[in-house]
Amino acid sequence: MTCSEAIISRIRSISQDRNISVHKLSVLSGLPESTVRYFMNGLVKAPRIDTLYKIATGLGMTLSEFFDFPDMNNTLFDD
């Protein structure tokens, strides 16, 4: 699993658990819906840390909490 895949999987999992749509996540994070959609569809391979910060904040998490999941420990960082 690549870093991007792990992050997308993490966002999808949390969003599904909390019943948060792409539109709602864009509102909560203060990002354009198109940005969230491009990322969720794998069109953005290397999201900026400020984008990930906004998404984590929109999900009610710190960056540390966001990145603290098992798949991140088994990911490849060459994408």
C-alpha atoms as a PDB file:
ATOM      1  CA  MET A   1       0.000   0.000   0.000  1.00  0.00           C
ATOM      2  CA  THR A   2       1.303   3.442  -0.875  1.00  0.00           C
ATOM      3  CA  CYS A   3       1.144   6.448   1.400  1.00  0.00           C
ATOM      4  CA  SER A   4      -1.624   8.046  -0.676  1.00  0.00           C
ATOM      5  CA  GLU A   5      -3.669   4.853  -0.629  1.00  0.00           C
ATOM      6  CA  ALA A   6      -3.283   4.538   3.144  1.00  0.00           C
ATOM      7  CA  ILE A   7      -4.366   8.147   3.703  1.00  0.00           C
ATOM      8  CA  ILE A   8      -7.358   7.836   1.355  1.00  0.00           C
ATOM      9  CA  SER A   9      -8.380   4.616   3.091  1.00  0.00           C
ATOM     10  CA  ARG A  10      -8.106   6.347   6.463  1.00  0.00           C
ATOM     11  CA  ILE A  11     -10.279   9.275   5.383  1.00  0.00           C
ATOM     12  CA  ARG A  12     -12.886   6.967   3.826  1.00  0.00           C
ATOM     13  CA  SER A  13     -13.023   4.783   6.925  1.00  0.00           C
ATOM     14  CA  ILE A  14     -13.452   7.688   9.335  1.00  0.00           C
ATOM     15  CA  SER A  15     -15.958   9.401   7.036  1.00  0.00           C
ATOM     16  CA  GLN A  16     -18.054   6.240   6.729  1.00  0.00           C
ATOM     17  CA  ASP A  17     -17.957   5.623  10.490  1.00  0.00           C
ATOM     18  CA  ARG A  18     -19.150   9.163  11.123  1.00  0.00           C
ATOM     19  CA  ASN A  19     -21.525   9.348   8.134  1.00  0.00           C
ATOM     20  CA  ILE A  20     -19.621  12.271   6.607  1.00  0.00           C
ATOM     21  CA  SER A  21     -20.054  12.826   2.869  1.00  0.00           C
ATOM     22  CA  VAL A  22     -17.430  14.407   0.632  1.00  0.00           C
ATOM     23  CA  HIS A  23     -19.501  17.573   0.596  1.00  0.00           C
ATOM     24  CA  LYS A  24     -19.780  17.655   4.384  1.00  0.00           C
ATOM     25  CA  LEU A  25     -16.039  16.985   4.772  1.00  0.00           C
ATOM     26  CA  SER A  26     -15.292  19.876   2.435  1.00  0.00           C
ATOM     27  CA  VAL A  27     -17.472  22.161   4.560  1.00  0.00           C
ATOM     28  CA  LEU A  28     -15.978  20.908   7.833  1.00  0.00           C
ATOM     29  CA  SER A  29     -12.419  21.227   6.555  1.00  0.00           C
ATOM     30  CA  GLY A  30     -12.856  24.519   4.727  1.00  0.00           C
ATOM     31  CA  LEU A  31     -11.561  23.003   1.486  1.00  0.00           C
ATOM     32  CA  PRO A  32     -13.240  23.209  -1.898  1.00  0.00           C
ATOM     33  CA  GLU A  33     -15.338  20.118  -2.587  1.00  0.00           C
ATOM     34  CA  SER A  34     -13.385  19.568  -5.795  1.00  0.00           C
ATOM     35  CA  THR A  35     -10.139  19.343  -3.816  1.00  0.00           C
ATOM     36  CA  VAL A  36     -11.581  16.708  -1.499  1.00  0.00           C
ATOM     37  CA  ARG A  37     -13.057  14.775  -4.450  1.00  0.00           C
ATOM     38  CA  TYR A  38      -9.794  14.831  -6.436  1.00  0.00           C
ATOM     39  CA  PHE A  39      -7.934  13.552  -3.422  1.00  0.00           C
ATOM     40  CA  MET A  40     -10.500  10.868  -2.591  1.00  0.00           C
ATOM     41  CA  ASN A  41     -10.466   9.673  -6.206  1.00  0.00           C
ATOM     42  CA  GLY A  42      -6.683   9.293  -6.164  1.00  0.00           C
ATOM     43  CA  LEU A  43      -6.018  12.172  -8.547  1.00  0.00           C
ATOM     44  CA  VAL A  44      -3.802  13.902  -5.984  1.00  0.00           C
ATOM     45  CA  LYS A  45      -0.846  11.661  -5.202  1.00  0.00           C
ATOM     46  CA  ALA A  46       0.994  13.842  -2.708  1.00  0.00           C
ATOM     47  CA  PRO A  47      -1.335  16.012  -0.626  1.00  0.00           C
ATOM     48  CA  ARG A  48       0.211  18.962   1.127  1.00  0.00           C
ATOM     49  CA  ILE A  49       0.468  18.828   4.882  1.00  0.00           C
ATOM     50  CA  ASP A  50      -1.772  21.877   5.255  1.00  0.00           C
ATOM     51  CA  THR A  51      -4.472  20.067   3.269  1.00  0.00           C
ATOM     52  CA  LEU A  52      -4.160  17.003   5.498  1.00  0.00           C
ATOM     53  CA  TYR A  53      -4.257  19.266   8.553  1.00  0.00           C
ATOM     54  CA  LYS A  54      -7.543  20.795   7.356  1.00  0.00           C
ATOM     55  CA  ILE A  55      -9.036  17.370   6.666  1.00  0.00           C
ATOM     56  CA  ALA A  56      -7.942  16.053  10.066  1.00  0.00           C
ATOM     57  CA  THR A  57      -9.359  19.139  11.765  1.00  0.00           C
ATOM     58  CA  GLY A  58     -12.594  18.728   9.814  1.00  0.00           C
ATOM     59  CA  LEU A  59     -12.777  15.161  11.115  1.00  0.00           C
ATOM     60  CA  GLY A  60     -12.243  16.467  14.662  1.00  0.00           C
ATOM     61  CA  MET A  61      -8.722  15.077  14.988  1.00  0.00           C
ATOM     62  CA  THR A  62      -5.184  16.277  15.392  1.00  0.00           C
ATOM     63  CA  LEU A  63      -2.632  15.297  12.754  1.00  0.00           C
ATOM     64  CA  SER A  64      -1.102  12.890  15.273  1.00  0.00           C
ATOM     65  CA  GLU A  65      -4.440  11.165  15.778  1.00  0.00           C
ATOM     66  CA  PHE A  66      -5.087  11.120  12.035  1.00  0.00           C
ATOM     67  CA  PHE A  67      -1.768   9.418  11.240  1.00  0.00           C
ATOM     68  CA  ASP A  68      -1.950   6.959  14.131  1.00  0.00           C
ATOM     69  CA  PHE A  69      -3.312   3.841  12.408  1.00  0.00           C
ATOM     70  CA  PRO A  70      -1.830   0.420  11.564  1.00  0.00           C
ATOM     71  CA  ASP A  71      -1.742   0.750   7.760  1.00  0.00           C
ATOM     72  CA  MET A  72       0.509   3.802   8.046  1.00  0.00           C
ATOM     73  CA  ASN A  73       3.162   1.629   9.667  1.00  0.00           C
ATOM     74  CA  ASN A  74       3.142  -0.736   6.665  1.00  0.00           C
ATOM     75  CA  THR A  75       3.097   1.820   3.894  1.00  0.00           C
ATOM     76  CA  LEU A  76       5.606   2.631   1.165  1.00  0.00           C
ATOM     77  CA  PHE A  77       6.702   6.248   1.075  1.00  0.00           C
ATOM     78  CA  ASP A  78       7.994   6.313  -2.481  1.00  0.00           C
ATOM     79  CA  ASP A  79       4.838   7.535  -4.187  1.00  0.00           C
END
